[in-house]
């Protein structure tokens, strides 16, 4: 687990690389199920992604709380990967935006999957 200061807030993150997109999807699905089992108490944004010219074989987890990232570290699999800070910041901003939208809509806490069948292209 790593730390990243973003706009004055300490965030926690990890990124895992998998041999291919299908293996990354299975790791992501395991983590998704763990979050469902905890009814959203993972309290983290989980993203399967890759650059435009590759299949999405990376899974990154970001949170302003370390507990969910620690759980993801045990469940996810793959090998540690350290992407460029700009990727981490884009994913943190995505997490902030989604939480803001849910808060404005009055949504209760919980598990809110937003699936991109082909993964995010970063």
PDB file of N, CA and C in Angstrom:
ATOM      1  N   UNK A   1       0.850  -1.172   0.000  1.00  0.00           N
ATOM      2  CA  UNK A   1       0.000   0.000   0.000  1.00  0.00           C
ATOM      3  C   UNK A   1       0.895   1.233   0.000  1.00  0.00           C
ATOM      4  N   UNK A   2       0.494   2.197  -0.796  1.00  0.00           N
ATOM      5  CA  UNK A   2       1.254   3.440  -0.887  1.00  0.00           C
ATOM      6  C   UNK A   2       0.360   4.614  -0.495  1.00  0.00           C
ATOM      7  N   UNK A   3       0.992   5.729  -0.264  1.00  0.00           N
ATOM      8  CA  UNK A   3       0.281   6.957   0.108  1.00  0.00           C
ATOM      9  C   UNK A   3       0.536   8.021  -0.955  1.00  0.00           C
ATOM     10  N   UNK A   4      -0.462   8.888  -1.116  1.00  0.00           N
ATOM     11  CA  UNK A   4      -0.328   9.976  -2.086  1.00  0.00           C
ATOM     12  C   UNK A   4      -1.111  11.169  -1.564  1.00  0.00           C
ATOM     13  N   UNK A   5      -0.462  12.312  -1.466  1.00  0.00           N
ATOM     14  CA  UNK A   5      -1.150  13.536  -1.064  1.00  0.00           C
ATOM     15  C   UNK A   5      -1.820  14.131  -2.295  1.00  0.00           C
ATOM     16  N   UNK A   6      -3.125  14.349  -2.194  1.00  0.00           N
ATOM     17  CA  UNK A   6      -3.880  14.926  -3.312  1.00  0.00           C
ATOM     18  C   UNK A   6      -4.751  16.046  -2.766  1.00  0.00           C
ATOM     19  N   UNK A   7      -4.430  17.270  -3.158  1.00  0.00           N
ATOM     20  CA  UNK A   7      -5.167  18.460  -2.725  1.00  0.00           C
ATOM     21  C   UNK A   7      -5.261  18.540  -1.208  1.00  0.00           C
ATOM     22  N   UNK A   8      -4.143  18.213  -0.547  1.00  0.00           N
ATOM     23  CA  UNK A   8      -4.074  18.340   0.901  1.00  0.00           C
ATOM     24  C   UNK A   8      -4.672  17.187   1.689  1.00  0.00           C
ATOM     25  N   UNK A   9      -5.093  16.135   1.009  1.00  0.00           N
ATOM     26  CA  UNK A   9      -5.673  14.965   1.681  1.00  0.00           C
ATOM     27  C   UNK A   9      -4.779  13.765   1.403  1.00  0.00           C
ATOM     28  N   UNK A  10      -4.530  12.980   2.444  1.00  0.00           N
ATOM     29  CA  UNK A  10      -3.734  11.767   2.276  1.00  0.00           C
ATOM     30  C   UNK A  10      -4.625  10.650   1.742  1.00  0.00           C
ATOM     31  N   UNK A  11      -4.218  10.071   0.609  1.00  0.00           N
ATOM     32  CA  UNK A  11      -4.921   8.953  -0.018  1.00  0.00           C
ATOM     33  C   UNK A  11      -4.030   7.725   0.038  1.00  0.00           C
ATOM     34  N   UNK A  12      -4.664   6.569   0.024  1.00  0.00           N
ATOM     35  CA  UNK A  12      -3.968   5.293   0.031  1.00  0.00           C
ATOM     36  C   UNK A  12      -4.296   4.583  -1.271  1.00  0.00           C
ATOM     37  N   UNK A  13      -3.335   3.858  -1.812  1.00  0.00           N
ATOM     38  CA  UNK A  13      -3.579   3.195  -3.098  1.00  0.00           C
ATOM     39  C   UNK A  13      -2.662   1.998  -3.270  1.00  0.00           C
ATOM     40  N   UNK A  14      -3.082   1.143  -4.184  1.00  0.00           N
ATOM     41  CA  UNK A  14      -2.224   0.069  -4.665  1.00  0.00           C
ATOM     42  C   UNK A  14      -2.617  -0.198  -6.101  1.00  0.00           C
ATOM     43  N   UNK A  15      -1.653  -0.682  -6.846  1.00  0.00           N
ATOM     44  CA  UNK A  15      -1.896  -1.048  -8.241  1.00  0.00           C
ATOM     45  C   UNK A  15      -1.285  -2.420  -8.459  1.00  0.00           C
ATOM     46  N   UNK A  16      -2.043  -3.282  -9.129  1.00  0.00           N
ATOM     47  CA  UNK A  16      -1.567  -4.625  -9.446  1.00  0.00           C
ATOM     48  C   UNK A  16      -1.606  -4.820 -10.950  1.00  0.00           C
ATOM     49  N   UNK A  17      -0.557  -5.482 -11.460  1.00  0.00           N
ATOM     50  CA  UNK A  17      -0.474  -5.814 -12.877  1.00  0.00           C
ATOM     51  C   UNK A  17      -0.722  -7.316 -13.005  1.00  0.00           C
ATOM     52  N   UNK A  18      -1.478  -7.681 -14.035  1.00  0.00           N
ATOM     53  CA  UNK A  18      -1.798  -9.074 -14.304  1.00  0.00           C
ATOM     54  C   UNK A  18      -1.259  -9.463 -15.673  1.00  0.00           C
ATOM     55  N   UNK A  19      -1.149 -10.765 -15.917  1.00  0.00           N
ATOM     56  CA  UNK A  19      -0.546 -11.225 -17.175  1.00  0.00           C
ATOM     57  C   UNK A  19      -1.370 -10.854 -18.390  1.00  0.00           C
ATOM     58  N   UNK A  20      -2.685 -10.711 -18.212  1.00  0.00           N
ATOM     59  CA  UNK A  20      -3.550 -10.326 -19.330  1.00  0.00           C
ATOM     60  C   UNK A  20      -4.849  -9.736 -18.779  1.00  0.00           C
ATOM     61  N   UNK A  21      -5.670  -9.243 -19.682  1.00  0.00           N
ATOM     62  CA  UNK A  21      -6.919  -8.601 -19.289  1.00  0.00           C
ATOM     63  C   UNK A  21      -7.895  -9.528 -18.590  1.00  0.00           C
ATOM     64  N   UNK A  22      -7.963 -10.773 -19.032  1.00  0.00           N
ATOM     65  CA  UNK A  22      -8.903 -11.725 -18.422  1.00  0.00           C
ATOM     66  C   UNK A  22      -8.509 -12.022 -16.977  1.00  0.00           C
ATOM     67  N   UNK A  23      -7.235 -12.191 -16.717  1.00  0.00           N
ATOM     68  CA  UNK A  23      -6.770 -12.439 -15.353  1.00  0.00           C
ATOM     69  C   UNK A  23      -7.033 -11.209 -14.482  1.00  0.00           C
ATOM     70  N   UNK A  24      -6.831 -10.017 -15.037  1.00  0.00           N
ATOM     71  CA  UNK A  24      -7.134  -8.785 -14.304  1.00  0.00           C
ATOM     72  C   UNK A  24      -8.623  -8.705 -13.978  1.00  0.00           C
ATOM     73  N   UNK A  25      -9.460  -9.094 -14.919  1.00  0.00           N
ATOM     74  CA  UNK A  25     -10.906  -9.066 -14.679  1.00  0.00           C
ATOM     75  C   UNK A  25     -11.282 -10.029 -13.560  1.00  0.00           C
ATOM     76  N   UNK A  26     -10.669 -11.206 -13.524  1.00  0.00           N
ATOM     77  CA  UNK A  26     -10.966 -12.152 -12.432  1.00  0.00           C
ATOM     78  C   UNK A  26     -10.540 -11.578 -11.083  1.00  0.00           C
ATOM     79  N   UNK A  27      -9.382 -10.935 -11.022  1.00  0.00           N
ATOM     80  CA  UNK A  27      -8.959 -10.286  -9.778  1.00  0.00           C
ATOM     81  C   UNK A  27      -9.915  -9.174  -9.378  1.00  0.00           C
ATOM     82  N   UNK A  28     -10.304  -8.358 -10.360  1.00  0.00           N
ATOM     83  CA  UNK A  28     -11.261  -7.284 -10.113  1.00  0.00           C
ATOM     84  C   UNK A  28     -12.588  -7.859  -9.612  1.00  0.00           C
ATOM     85  N   UNK A  29     -13.047  -8.935 -10.228  1.00  0.00           N
ATOM     86  CA  UNK A  29     -14.318  -9.549  -9.817  1.00  0.00           C
ATOM     87  C   UNK A  29     -14.243 -10.103  -8.391  1.00  0.00           C
ATOM     88  N   UNK A  30     -13.102 -10.679  -8.001  1.00  0.00           N
ATOM     89  CA  UNK A  30     -12.929 -11.139  -6.610  1.00  0.00           C
ATOM     90  C   UNK A  30     -13.053  -9.972  -5.642  1.00  0.00           C
ATOM     91  N   UNK A  31     -12.420  -8.873  -5.994  1.00  0.00           N
ATOM     92  CA  UNK A  31     -12.463  -7.694  -5.149  1.00  0.00           C
ATOM     93  C   UNK A  31     -13.876  -7.105  -5.116  1.00  0.00           C
ATOM     94  N   UNK A  32     -14.541  -7.099  -6.256  1.00  0.00           N
ATOM     95  CA  UNK A  32     -15.922  -6.619  -6.331  1.00  0.00           C
ATOM     96  C   UNK A  32     -16.820  -7.450  -5.417  1.00  0.00           C
ATOM     97  N   UNK A  33     -16.638  -8.758  -5.420  1.00  0.00           N
ATOM     98  CA  UNK A  33     -17.450  -9.625  -4.556  1.00  0.00           C
ATOM     99  C   UNK A  33     -17.151  -9.364  -3.080  1.00  0.00           C
ATOM    100  N   UNK A  34     -15.895  -9.156  -2.746  1.00  0.00           N
ATOM    101  CA  UNK A  34     -15.538  -8.842  -1.361  1.00  0.00           C
ATOM    102  C   UNK A  34     -16.212  -7.542  -0.923  1.00  0.00           C
ATOM    103  N   UNK A  35     -16.262  -6.558  -1.808  1.00  0.00           N
ATOM    104  CA  UNK A  35     -16.927  -5.296  -1.488  1.00  0.00           C
ATOM    105  C   UNK A  35     -18.427  -5.497  -1.317  1.00  0.00           C
ATOM    106  N   UNK A  36     -19.029  -6.308  -2.175  1.00  0.00           N
ATOM    107  CA  UNK A  36     -20.463  -6.613  -2.033  1.00  0.00           C
ATOM    108  C   UNK A  36     -20.736  -7.292  -0.691  1.00  0.00           C
ATOM    109  N   UNK A  37     -19.876  -8.248  -0.342  1.00  0.00           N
ATOM    110  CA  UNK A  37     -20.045  -8.968   0.921  1.00  0.00           C
ATOM    111  C   UNK A  37     -19.980  -8.019   2.114  1.00  0.00           C
ATOM    112  N   UNK A  38     -19.217  -6.952   1.984  1.00  0.00           N
ATOM    113  CA  UNK A  38     -19.087  -5.961   3.057  1.00  0.00           C
ATOM    114  C   UNK A  38     -20.065  -4.806   2.896  1.00  0.00           C
ATOM    115  N   UNK A  39     -20.965  -4.896   1.927  1.00  0.00           N
ATOM    116  CA  UNK A  39     -21.957  -3.858   1.643  1.00  0.00           C
ATOM    117  C   UNK A  39     -21.324  -2.477   1.507  1.00  0.00           C
ATOM    118  N   UNK A  40     -20.222  -2.429   0.773  1.00  0.00           N
ATOM    119  CA  UNK A  40     -19.583  -1.150   0.492  1.00  0.00           C
ATOM    120  C   UNK A  40     -18.595  -0.692   1.544  1.00  0.00           C
ATOM    121  N   UNK A  41     -18.400  -1.456   2.605  1.00  0.00           N
ATOM    122  CA  UNK A  41     -17.480  -1.030   3.660  1.00  0.00           C
ATOM    123  C   UNK A  41     -16.017  -1.069   3.225  1.00  0.00           C
ATOM    124  N   UNK A  42     -15.757  -1.583   2.036  1.00  0.00           N
ATOM    125  CA  UNK A  42     -14.413  -1.492   1.480  1.00  0.00           C
ATOM    126  C   UNK A  42     -14.021  -0.019   1.368  1.00  0.00           C
ATOM    127  N   UNK A  43     -15.020   0.818   1.061  1.00  0.00           N
ATOM    128  CA  UNK A  43     -14.851   2.267   1.013  1.00  0.00           C
ATOM    129  C   UNK A  43     -13.675   2.670   0.136  1.00  0.00           C
ATOM    130  N   UNK A  44     -13.659   2.125  -1.074  1.00  0.00           N
ATOM    131  CA  UNK A  44     -12.559   2.400  -1.992  1.00  0.00           C
ATOM    132  C   UNK A  44     -13.070   2.388  -3.424  1.00  0.00           C
ATOM    133  N   UNK A  45     -12.374   3.094  -4.277  1.00  0.00           N
ATOM    134  CA  UNK A  45     -12.627   3.031  -5.704  1.00  0.00           C
ATOM    135  C   UNK A  45     -11.708   1.992  -6.311  1.00  0.00           C
ATOM    136  N   UNK A  46     -12.275   1.096  -7.092  1.00  0.00           N
ATOM    137  CA  UNK A  46     -11.519  -0.003  -7.698  1.00  0.00           C
ATOM    138  C   UNK A  46     -11.644   0.122  -9.208  1.00  0.00           C
ATOM    139  N   UNK A  47     -10.514   0.158  -9.886  1.00  0.00           N
ATOM    140  CA  UNK A  47     -10.505   0.432 -11.318  1.00  0.00           C
ATOM    141  C   UNK A  47      -9.640  -0.560 -12.072  1.00  0.00           C
ATOM    142  N   UNK A  48     -10.236  -1.203 -13.072  1.00  0.00           N
ATOM    143  CA  UNK A  48      -9.483  -2.050 -14.002  1.00  0.00           C
ATOM    144  C   UNK A  48      -9.190  -1.177 -15.209  1.00  0.00           C
ATOM    145  N   UNK A  49      -7.933  -1.097 -15.587  1.00  0.00           N
ATOM    146  CA  UNK A  49      -7.578  -0.114 -16.618  1.00  0.00           C
ATOM    147  C   UNK A  49      -6.319  -0.526 -17.372  1.00  0.00           C
ATOM    148  N   UNK A  50      -6.023   0.253 -18.374  1.00  0.00           N
ATOM    149  CA  UNK A  50      -4.818   0.080 -19.171  1.00  0.00           C
ATOM    150  C   UNK A  50      -4.716   1.210 -20.175  1.00  0.00           C
ATOM    151  N   UNK A  51      -3.549   1.368 -20.777  1.00  0.00           N
ATOM    152  CA  UNK A  51      -3.410   2.396 -21.808  1.00  0.00           C
ATOM    153  C   UNK A  51      -4.176   2.009 -23.069  1.00  0.00           C
ATOM    154  N   UNK A  52      -4.375   2.974 -23.927  1.00  0.00           N
ATOM    155  CA  UNK A  52      -5.139   2.766 -25.161  1.00  0.00           C
ATOM    156  C   UNK A  52      -4.628   1.594 -25.991  1.00  0.00           C
ATOM    157  N   UNK A  53      -3.326   1.380 -25.983  1.00  0.00           N
ATOM    158  CA  UNK A  53      -2.744   0.368 -26.865  1.00  0.00           C
ATOM    159  C   UNK A  53      -2.565  -0.994 -26.190  1.00  0.00           C
ATOM    160  N   UNK A  54      -3.152  -1.208 -24.998  1.00  0.00           N
ATOM    161  CA  UNK A  54      -3.053  -2.483 -24.296  1.00  0.00           C
ATOM    162  C   UNK A  54      -4.421  -2.897 -23.783  1.00  0.00           C
ATOM    163  N   UNK A  55      -4.560  -4.189 -23.519  1.00  0.00           N
ATOM    164  CA  UNK A  55      -5.772  -4.620 -22.845  1.00  0.00           C
ATOM    165  C   UNK A  55      -5.690  -4.173 -21.383  1.00  0.00           C
ATOM    166  N   UNK A  56      -6.834  -4.032 -20.703  1.00  0.00           N
ATOM    167  CA  UNK A  56      -6.828  -3.534 -19.329  1.00  0.00           C
ATOM    168  C   UNK A  56      -6.332  -4.597 -18.352  1.00  0.00           C
ATOM    169  N   UNK A  57      -5.033  -4.624 -18.108  1.00  0.00           N
ATOM    170  CA  UNK A  57      -4.472  -5.665 -17.253  1.00  0.00           C
ATOM    171  C   UNK A  57      -3.950  -5.124 -15.931  1.00  0.00           C
ATOM    172  N   UNK A  58      -4.407  -3.940 -15.564  1.00  0.00           N
ATOM    173  CA  UNK A  58      -4.048  -3.329 -14.289  1.00  0.00           C
ATOM    174  C   UNK A  58      -5.314  -3.122 -13.458  1.00  0.00           C
ATOM    175  N   UNK A  59      -5.192  -3.293 -12.156  1.00  0.00           N
ATOM    176  CA  UNK A  59      -6.280  -2.958 -11.238  1.00  0.00           C
ATOM    177  C   UNK A  59      -5.685  -2.064 -10.167  1.00  0.00           C
ATOM    178  N   UNK A  60      -6.302  -0.889 -10.001  1.00  0.00           N
ATOM    179  CA  UNK A  60      -5.850   0.074  -9.010  1.00  0.00           C
ATOM    180  C   UNK A  60      -6.986   0.347  -8.039  1.00  0.00           C
ATOM    181  N   UNK A  61      -6.630   0.449  -6.761  1.00  0.00           N
ATOM    182  CA  UNK A  61      -7.585   0.721  -5.689  1.00  0.00           C
ATOM    183  C   UNK A  61      -7.132   2.000  -5.000  1.00  0.00           C
ATOM    184  N   UNK A  62      -8.063   2.954  -4.822  1.00  0.00           N
ATOM    185  CA  UNK A  62      -7.752   4.208  -4.137  1.00  0.00           C
ATOM    186  C   UNK A  62      -8.788   4.458  -3.044  1.00  0.00           C
ATOM    187  N   UNK A  63      -8.332   5.025  -1.930  1.00  0.00           N
ATOM    188  CA  UNK A  63      -9.239   5.376  -0.845  1.00  0.00           C
ATOM    189  C   UNK A  63      -8.571   6.389   0.071  1.00  0.00           C
ATOM    190  N   UNK A  64      -9.396   7.169   0.749  1.00  0.00           N
ATOM    191  CA  UNK A  64      -8.861   8.076   1.767  1.00  0.00           C
ATOM    192  C   UNK A  64      -8.770   7.360   3.121  1.00  0.00           C
ATOM    193  N   UNK A  65      -9.109   6.061   3.143  1.00  0.00           N
ATOM    194  CA  UNK A  65      -8.991   5.228   4.341  1.00  0.00           C
ATOM    195  C   UNK A  65      -8.135   4.005   3.997  1.00  0.00           C
ATOM    196  N   UNK A  66      -7.215   3.625   4.855  1.00  0.00           N
ATOM    197  CA  UNK A  66      -6.306   2.522   4.513  1.00  0.00           C
ATOM    198  C   UNK A  66      -6.920   1.129   4.618  1.00  0.00           C
ATOM    199  N   UNK A  67      -7.976   0.952   5.380  1.00  0.00           N
ATOM    200  CA  UNK A  67      -8.497  -0.391   5.633  1.00  0.00           C
ATOM    201  C   UNK A  67      -8.960  -1.107   4.361  1.00  0.00           C
ATOM    202  N   UNK A  68      -9.677  -0.420   3.507  1.00  0.00           N
ATOM    203  CA  UNK A  68     -10.152  -1.041   2.274  1.00  0.00           C
ATOM    204  C   UNK A  68      -9.014  -1.402   1.334  1.00  0.00           C
ATOM    205  N   UNK A  69      -7.995  -0.562   1.292  1.00  0.00           N
ATOM    206  CA  UNK A  69      -6.844  -0.837   0.438  1.00  0.00           C
ATOM    207  C   UNK A  69      -6.075  -2.042   0.987  1.00  0.00           C
ATOM    208  N   UNK A  70      -6.005  -2.155   2.321  1.00  0.00           N
ATOM    209  CA  UNK A  70      -5.339  -3.311   2.933  1.00  0.00           C
ATOM    210  C   UNK A  70      -6.082  -4.598   2.600  1.00  0.00           C
ATOM    211  N   UNK A  71      -7.408  -4.558   2.625  1.00  0.00           N
ATOM    212  CA  UNK A  71      -8.195  -5.740   2.253  1.00  0.00           C
ATOM    213  C   UNK A  71      -7.964  -6.078   0.781  1.00  0.00           C
ATOM    214  N   UNK A  72      -7.975  -5.075  -0.067  1.00  0.00           N
ATOM    215  CA  UNK A  72      -7.744  -5.297  -1.498  1.00  0.00           C
ATOM    216  C   UNK A  72      -6.386  -5.944  -1.728  1.00  0.00           C
ATOM    217  N   UNK A  73      -5.404  -5.552  -0.945  1.00  0.00           N
ATOM    218  CA  UNK A  73      -4.064  -6.104  -1.072  1.00  0.00           C
ATOM    219  C   UNK A  73      -4.070  -7.611  -0.826  1.00  0.00           C
ATOM    220  N   UNK A  74      -4.920  -8.068   0.087  1.00  0.00           N
ATOM    221  CA  UNK A  74      -4.997  -9.499   0.393  1.00  0.00           C
ATOM    222  C   UNK A  74      -5.816 -10.277  -0.638  1.00  0.00           C
ATOM    223  N   UNK A  75      -6.803  -9.646  -1.242  1.00  0.00           N
ATOM    224  CA  UNK A  75      -7.765 -10.330  -2.116  1.00  0.00           C
ATOM    225  C   UNK A  75      -7.367 -10.310  -3.585  1.00  0.00           C
ATOM    226  N   UNK A  76      -6.737  -9.248  -4.022  1.00  0.00           N
ATOM    227  CA  UNK A  76      -6.617  -8.951  -5.445  1.00  0.00           C
ATOM    228  C   UNK A  76      -5.704  -9.881  -6.227  1.00  0.00           C
ATOM    229  N   UNK A  77      -4.538 -10.201  -5.725  1.00  0.00           N
ATOM    230  CA  UNK A  77      -3.572 -10.962  -6.512  1.00  0.00           C
ATOM    231  C   UNK A  77      -2.778 -10.040  -7.417  1.00  0.00           C
ATOM    232  N   UNK A  78      -2.147 -10.600  -8.432  1.00  0.00           N
ATOM    233  CA  UNK A  78      -1.322  -9.816  -9.346  1.00  0.00           C
ATOM    234  C   UNK A  78       0.001  -9.439  -8.715  1.00  0.00           C
ATOM    235  N   UNK A  79       0.774  -8.652  -9.438  1.00  0.00           N
ATOM    236  CA  UNK A  79       2.061  -8.189  -8.933  1.00  0.00           C
ATOM    237  C   UNK A  79       2.038  -6.678  -8.782  1.00  0.00           C
ATOM    238  N   UNK A  80       2.806  -6.190  -7.841  1.00  0.00           N
ATOM    239  CA  UNK A  80       2.839  -4.753  -7.583  1.00  0.00           C
ATOM    240  C   UNK A  80       3.298  -4.011  -8.825  1.00  0.00           C
ATOM    241  N   UNK A  81       2.657  -2.888  -9.079  1.00  0.00           N
ATOM    242  CA  UNK A  81       3.025  -2.019 -10.198  1.00  0.00           C
ATOM    243  C   UNK A  81       2.897  -0.587  -9.708  1.00  0.00           C
ATOM    244  N   UNK A  82       3.814   0.256 -10.101  1.00  0.00           N
ATOM    245  CA  UNK A  82       3.763   1.664  -9.690  1.00  0.00           C
ATOM    246  C   UNK A  82       3.588   2.521 -10.935  1.00  0.00           C
ATOM    247  N   UNK A  83       2.353   2.945 -11.197  1.00  0.00           N
ATOM    248  CA  UNK A  83       2.114   3.802 -12.369  1.00  0.00           C
ATOM    249  C   UNK A  83       2.572   5.233 -12.099  1.00  0.00           C
ATOM    250  N   UNK A  84       2.558   6.023 -13.133  1.00  0.00           N
ATOM    251  CA  UNK A  84       2.873   7.433 -13.027  1.00  0.00           C
ATOM    252  C   UNK A  84       1.892   8.124 -12.081  1.00  0.00           C
ATOM    253  N   UNK A  85       2.358   9.112 -11.338  1.00  0.00           N
ATOM    254  CA  UNK A  85       1.485   9.852 -10.416  1.00  0.00           C
ATOM    255  C   UNK A  85       0.238  10.400 -11.105  1.00  0.00           C
ATOM    256  N   UNK A  86       0.356  10.761 -12.372  1.00  0.00           N
ATOM    257  CA  UNK A  86      -0.806  11.330 -13.072  1.00  0.00           C
ATOM    258  C   UNK A  86      -1.945  10.315 -13.170  1.00  0.00           C
ATOM    259  N   UNK A  87      -1.629   9.027 -13.288  1.00  0.00           N
ATOM    260  CA  UNK A  87      -2.662   7.988 -13.328  1.00  0.00           C
ATOM    261  C   UNK A  87      -3.340   7.899 -11.966  1.00  0.00           C
ATOM    262  N   UNK A  88      -2.550   7.872 -10.900  1.00  0.00           N
ATOM    263  CA  UNK A  88      -3.115   7.810  -9.553  1.00  0.00           C
ATOM    264  C   UNK A  88      -4.006   9.014  -9.309  1.00  0.00           C
ATOM    265  N   UNK A  89      -3.580  10.184  -9.701  1.00  0.00           N
ATOM    266  CA  UNK A  89      -4.380  11.386  -9.480  1.00  0.00           C
ATOM    267  C   UNK A  89      -5.660  11.381 -10.294  1.00  0.00           C
ATOM    268  N   UNK A  90      -5.637  10.860 -11.503  1.00  0.00           N
ATOM    269  CA  UNK A  90      -6.873  10.752 -12.298  1.00  0.00           C
ATOM    270  C   UNK A  90      -7.869   9.823 -11.622  1.00  0.00           C
ATOM    271  N   UNK A  91      -7.366   8.706 -11.065  1.00  0.00           N
ATOM    272  CA  UNK A  91      -8.258   7.753 -10.404  1.00  0.00           C
ATOM    273  C   UNK A  91      -8.781   8.296  -9.074  1.00  0.00           C
ATOM    274  N   UNK A  92      -7.950   9.018  -8.347  1.00  0.00           N
ATOM    275  CA  UNK A  92      -8.423   9.665  -7.115  1.00  0.00           C
ATOM    276  C   UNK A  92      -9.502  10.690  -7.458  1.00  0.00           C
ATOM    277  N   UNK A  93      -9.268  11.492  -8.486  1.00  0.00           N
ATOM    278  CA  UNK A  93     -10.273  12.485  -8.879  1.00  0.00           C
ATOM    279  C   UNK A  93     -11.567  11.809  -9.309  1.00  0.00           C
ATOM    280  N   UNK A  94     -11.455  10.694 -10.010  1.00  0.00           N
ATOM    281  CA  UNK A  94     -12.649   9.930 -10.404  1.00  0.00           C
ATOM    282  C   UNK A  94     -13.414   9.490  -9.156  1.00  0.00           C
ATOM    283  N   UNK A  95     -12.710   8.997  -8.147  1.00  0.00           N
ATOM    284  CA  UNK A  95     -13.340   8.580  -6.893  1.00  0.00           C
ATOM    285  C   UNK A  95     -14.041   9.761  -6.220  1.00  0.00           C
ATOM    286  N   UNK A  96     -13.384  10.900  -6.170  1.00  0.00           N
ATOM    287  CA  UNK A  96     -13.990  12.096  -5.583  1.00  0.00           C
ATOM    288  C   UNK A  96     -15.254  12.474  -6.336  1.00  0.00           C
ATOM    289  N   UNK A  97     -15.200  12.462  -7.658  1.00  0.00           N
ATOM    290  CA  UNK A  97     -16.362  12.832  -8.476  1.00  0.00           C
ATOM    291  C   UNK A  97     -17.537  11.889  -8.243  1.00  0.00           C
ATOM    292  N   UNK A  98     -17.278  10.580  -8.216  1.00  0.00           N
ATOM    293  CA  UNK A  98     -18.350   9.600  -8.010  1.00  0.00           C
ATOM    294  C   UNK A  98     -18.967   9.777  -6.627  1.00  0.00           C
ATOM    295  N   UNK A  99     -18.127   9.931  -5.601  1.00  0.00           N
ATOM    296  CA  UNK A  99     -18.666  10.127  -4.253  1.00  0.00           C
ATOM    297  C   UNK A  99     -19.506  11.399  -4.177  1.00  0.00           C
ATOM    298  N   UNK A 100     -19.047  12.458  -4.835  1.00  0.00           N
ATOM    299  CA  UNK A 100     -19.816  13.712  -4.865  1.00  0.00           C
ATOM    300  C   UNK A 100     -21.169  13.537  -5.522  1.00  0.00           C
ATOM    301  N   UNK A 101     -21.213  12.819  -6.641  1.00  0.00           N
ATOM    302  CA  UNK A 101     -22.483  12.564  -7.337  1.00  0.00           C
ATOM    303  C   UNK A 101     -23.433  11.744  -6.462  1.00  0.00           C
ATOM    304  N   UNK A 102     -22.911  10.725  -5.799  1.00  0.00           N
ATOM    305  CA  UNK A 102     -23.752   9.900  -4.926  1.00  0.00           C
ATOM    306  C   UNK A 102     -24.268  10.715  -3.744  1.00  0.00           C
ATOM    307  N   UNK A 103     -23.423  11.539  -3.163  1.00  0.00           N
ATOM    308  CA  UNK A 103     -23.823  12.375  -2.031  1.00  0.00           C
ATOM    309  C   UNK A 103     -24.921  13.352  -2.453  1.00  0.00           C
ATOM    310  N   UNK A 104     -24.713  14.017  -3.596  1.00  0.00           N
ATOM    311  CA  UNK A 104     -25.713  14.974  -4.084  1.00  0.00           C
ATOM    312  C   UNK A 104     -27.046  14.311  -4.389  1.00  0.00           C
ATOM    313  N   UNK A 105     -27.008  13.047  -4.807  1.00  0.00           N
ATOM    314  CA  UNK A 105     -28.240  12.307  -5.106  1.00  0.00           C
ATOM    315  C   UNK A 105     -28.896  11.748  -3.840  1.00  0.00           C
ATOM    316  N   UNK A 106     -28.240  11.922  -2.691  1.00  0.00           N
ATOM    317  CA  UNK A 106     -28.794  11.409  -1.441  1.00  0.00           C
ATOM    318  C   UNK A 106     -28.678   9.900  -1.306  1.00  0.00           C
ATOM    319  N   UNK A 107     -27.762   9.300  -2.026  1.00  0.00           N
ATOM    320  CA  UNK A 107     -27.606   7.841  -1.992  1.00  0.00           C
ATOM    321  C   UNK A 107     -27.040   7.409  -0.639  1.00  0.00           C
ATOM    322  N   UNK A 108     -27.564   6.327  -0.084  1.00  0.00           N
ATOM    323  CA  UNK A 108     -26.998   5.820   1.168  1.00  0.00           C
ATOM    324  C   UNK A 108     -25.644   5.162   0.907  1.00  0.00           C
ATOM    325  N   UNK A 109     -24.867   4.937   1.960  1.00  0.00           N
ATOM    326  CA  UNK A 109     -23.605   4.228   1.803  1.00  0.00           C
ATOM    327  C   UNK A 109     -23.860   2.840   1.265  1.00  0.00           C
ATOM    328  N   UNK A 110     -22.927   2.286   0.552  1.00  0.00           N
ATOM    329  CA  UNK A 110     -23.101   0.944   0.015  1.00  0.00           C
ATOM    330  C   UNK A 110     -22.161   0.676  -1.138  1.00  0.00           C
ATOM    331  N   UNK A 111     -22.433  -0.387  -1.834  1.00  0.00           N
ATOM    332  CA  UNK A 111     -21.635  -0.841  -2.968  1.00  0.00           C
ATOM    333  C   UNK A 111     -22.281  -0.325  -4.246  1.00  0.00           C
ATOM    334  N   UNK A 112     -21.552   0.456  -5.029  1.00  0.00           N
ATOM    335  CA  UNK A 112     -22.080   1.032  -6.262  1.00  0.00           C
ATOM    336  C   UNK A 112     -21.155   0.689  -7.429  1.00  0.00           C
ATOM    337  N   UNK A 113     -21.395  -0.431  -8.089  1.00  0.00           N
ATOM    338  CA  UNK A 113     -20.529  -0.798  -9.213  1.00  0.00           C
ATOM    339  C   UNK A 113     -20.802   0.069 -10.443  1.00  0.00           C
ATOM    340  N   UNK A 114     -19.740   0.505 -11.070  1.00  0.00           N
ATOM    341  CA  UNK A 114     -19.812   1.227 -12.337  1.00  0.00           C
ATOM    342  C   UNK A 114     -18.887   0.473 -13.274  1.00  0.00           C
ATOM    343  N   UNK A 115     -19.463  -0.385 -14.084  1.00  0.00           N
ATOM    344  CA  UNK A 115     -18.655  -1.274 -14.906  1.00  0.00           C
ATOM    345  C   UNK A 115     -18.403  -0.699 -16.287  1.00  0.00           C
ATOM    346  N   UNK A 116     -17.178  -0.828 -16.721  1.00  0.00           N
ATOM    347  CA  UNK A 116     -16.764  -0.563 -18.094  1.00  0.00           C
ATOM    348  C   UNK A 116     -16.316  -1.926 -18.611  1.00  0.00           C
ATOM    349  N   UNK A 117     -17.127  -2.544 -19.417  1.00  0.00           N
ATOM    350  CA  UNK A 117     -16.863  -3.926 -19.819  1.00  0.00           C
ATOM    351  C   UNK A 117     -15.442  -4.136 -20.332  1.00  0.00           C
ATOM    352  N   UNK A 118     -14.916  -3.163 -21.030  1.00  0.00           N
ATOM    353  CA  UNK A 118     -13.561  -3.290 -21.573  1.00  0.00           C
ATOM    354  C   UNK A 118     -12.518  -2.653 -20.680  1.00  0.00           C
ATOM    355  N   UNK A 119     -12.904  -2.208 -19.484  1.00  0.00           N
ATOM    356  CA  UNK A 119     -11.971  -1.532 -18.595  1.00  0.00           C
ATOM    357  C   UNK A 119     -11.797  -0.082 -19.018  1.00  0.00           C
ATOM    358  N   UNK A 120     -11.234   0.713 -18.136  1.00  0.00           N
ATOM    359  CA  UNK A 120     -10.980   2.129 -18.435  1.00  0.00           C
ATOM    360  C   UNK A 120      -9.718   2.261 -19.266  1.00  0.00           C
ATOM    361  N   UNK A 121      -9.725   3.183 -20.194  1.00  0.00           N
ATOM    362  CA  UNK A 121      -8.533   3.488 -20.994  1.00  0.00           C
ATOM    363  C   UNK A 121      -7.913   4.762 -20.450  1.00  0.00           C
ATOM    364  N   UNK A 122      -6.676   4.649 -19.991  1.00  0.00           N
ATOM    365  CA  UNK A 122      -5.988   5.818 -19.412  1.00  0.00           C
ATOM    366  C   UNK A 122      -4.740   6.141 -20.203  1.00  0.00           C
TER     367      UNK A 122
END
